[in-house]
Protein backbone atom coordinates (compact mmCIF):
# COMPACT_ATOMS: atom_id res chain seq x y z
CA MET A 1 0.42 0.04 -0.13
CA THR A 2 1.96 3.02 -1.25
CA ASN A 3 -1.17 5.09 -2.06
CA LEU A 4 -1.79 6.46 1.14
CA THR A 5 -2.21 9.78 2.09
CA PRO A 6 0.68 11.40 3.75
CA GLY A 7 -1.83 11.91 7.05
CA VAL A 8 -2.15 8.28 6.85
CA ARG A 9 1.48 6.81 7.36
CA ASN A 10 1.13 8.44 10.85
CA VAL A 11 -1.91 6.77 12.05
CA MET A 12 0.10 3.05 10.90
CA HIS A 13 2.34 4.72 13.92
CA CYS A 14 2.32 2.69 16.67
CA ASP A 15 5.03 2.29 19.31
CA ALA A 16 4.21 -0.55 21.12
CA PHE A 17 6.82 -3.75 21.11
CA PRO A 18 5.35 -6.75 20.08
CA GLY A 19 2.85 -8.12 23.36
CA GLU A 20 2.68 -5.02 25.43
CA THR A 21 -0.29 -3.27 24.49
CA CYS A 22 -1.00 -0.95 22.11
CA LEU A 23 -1.98 2.73 23.65
CA GLY A 24 -2.89 4.27 19.81
CA HIS A 25 -6.88 4.95 19.65
CA GLY A 26 -6.66 5.50 15.81
CA ALA A 27 -7.60 3.68 13.03
CA GLY A 28 -6.20 0.07 13.55
CA HIS A 29 -4.77 0.06 16.94
CA GLU A 30 -6.56 -0.33 20.62
CA LEU A 31 -10.85 -1.45 19.95
CA LEU A 32 -12.48 1.56 21.97
CA PRO A 33 -15.22 0.17 24.91
CA LEU A 34 -17.71 2.46 22.49
CA GLN A 35 -16.43 0.81 19.10
CA GLU A 36 -16.73 -2.97 20.60
CA ARG A 37 -20.71 -1.69 21.25
CA VAL A 38 -21.31 0.06 18.43
CA ILE A 39 -20.95 -3.49 16.19
CA ALA A 40 -22.25 -5.41 18.04
CA ALA A 41 -25.47 -3.21 18.09
CA THR A 42 -24.93 -3.49 14.34
CA PRO A 43 -25.06 -6.99 13.47
CA SER A 44 -26.22 -6.73 9.60
CA LYS A 45 -23.04 -4.51 8.37
CA TRP A 46 -21.18 -7.28 8.65
CA ARG A 47 -19.60 -8.57 5.24
CA ASP A 48 -18.62 -11.88 4.98
CA GLY A 49 -15.48 -13.03 3.45
CA LEU A 50 -11.90 -14.77 3.54
CA VAL A 51 -8.27 -14.01 3.86
CA GLN A 52 -6.07 -13.75 0.68
CA SER A 53 -3.70 -12.59 1.93
CA VAL A 54 -1.44 -11.17 5.17
CA SER A 55 1.90 -9.58 5.62
CA ALA A 56 4.32 -8.56 8.25
CA GLU A 57 3.75 -5.04 7.84
CA GLY A 58 -0.16 -5.23 9.03
CA TRP A 59 -1.92 -4.96 5.61
CA ILE A 60 -5.08 -7.94 5.28
CA ALA A 61 -6.08 -8.59 2.57
CA VAL A 62 -10.12 -9.59 2.32
CA ASP A 63 -11.69 -10.85 -0.69
CA LEU A 64 -15.33 -10.68 0.57
CA LEU A 65 -18.36 -13.02 -0.69
CA ASP A 66 -20.69 -10.67 -1.03
CA ALA A 67 -19.02 -9.77 -3.89
CA PRO A 68 -20.47 -8.58 -7.55
CA LEU A 69 -22.72 -9.92 -9.80
CA ASP A 70 -20.37 -9.71 -12.77
CA GLY A 71 -18.43 -12.12 -11.12
CA SER A 72 -15.01 -10.00 -10.55
CA THR A 73 -14.03 -9.78 -6.53
CA ALA A 74 -13.95 -7.45 -3.92
CA THR A 75 -11.30 -7.08 -2.08
CA VAL A 76 -10.92 -5.39 1.44
CA TRP A 77 -7.73 -4.31 2.34
CA ALA A 78 -7.04 -3.03 6.34
CA TRP A 79 -4.10 -2.52 8.44
CA ASN A 80 -4.00 -3.48 12.16
CA HIS A 81 -0.58 -2.48 13.49
CA THR A 82 -0.52 -6.81 14.78
CA ASP A 83 1.86 -8.44 11.99
CA ARG A 84 -1.20 -11.37 12.03
CA VAL A 85 1.38 -13.60 9.54
CA ALA A 86 1.62 -16.62 12.26
CA THR A 87 -2.10 -16.39 13.72
CA LEU A 88 -4.33 -15.71 10.27
CA PRO A 89 -4.01 -18.52 7.70
CA ILE A 90 -5.09 -18.02 3.95
CA GLY A 91 -8.22 -18.82 3.67
CA SER A 92 -9.69 -18.13 7.46
CA PRO A 93 -12.85 -16.80 7.58
CA VAL A 94 -13.15 -13.87 8.60
CA ALA A 95 -15.69 -10.23 8.88
CA VAL A 96 -15.04 -6.18 7.42
CA HIS A 97 -17.72 -4.60 9.71
CA ALA A 98 -18.20 -1.79 6.44
CA VAL A 99 -19.43 0.98 8.90
CA TYR A 100 -17.30 1.06 11.93
CA HIS A 101 -13.93 -0.20 10.52
CA ALA A 102 -13.48 -3.66 12.34
CA LEU A 103 -13.17 -6.85 11.42
CA ALA A 104 -13.78 -10.26 13.30
CA ILE A 105 -11.11 -13.18 13.74
CA GLY A 106 -13.65 -15.69 15.15
CA PRO A 107 -14.37 -14.30 18.43
CA GLU A 108 -12.02 -11.91 18.18
CA ARG A 109 -12.79 -8.30 17.43
CA VAL A 110 -9.92 -5.89 16.18
CA ASN A 111 -9.84 -2.68 14.93
CA VAL A 112 -8.69 -1.79 11.55
CA LEU A 113 -8.07 1.03 8.82
CA ILE A 114 -9.66 0.28 5.81
CA ALA A 115 -7.69 1.29 2.96
CA LEU A 116 -9.98 2.85 -0.08
CA PRO A 117 -9.78 2.02 -3.57
């Protein structure tokens, strides 16, 4: 993802070391209690998908299952400050919240930054 606006690169900076609690409150960092509540209150906004790729830099590509009818795939790029290469295999089922920038990985909810096309 090299075509990000300059301000996004600042949001993507995290000072937490692996295993430490992230103190960042922006998209892609710690999931805030309010965000947990609003995603739980809007279950119809989840879009199911399968993990297409995961990078050590935190990028997760999700192929949405409700892709356009023309047969093309709709891929969403999400970023989280955590390296999930070892814990999120390609093909894993996930869900992207269409409103409140969150990713569901099984029972876990993760705050993500969604890259717009």
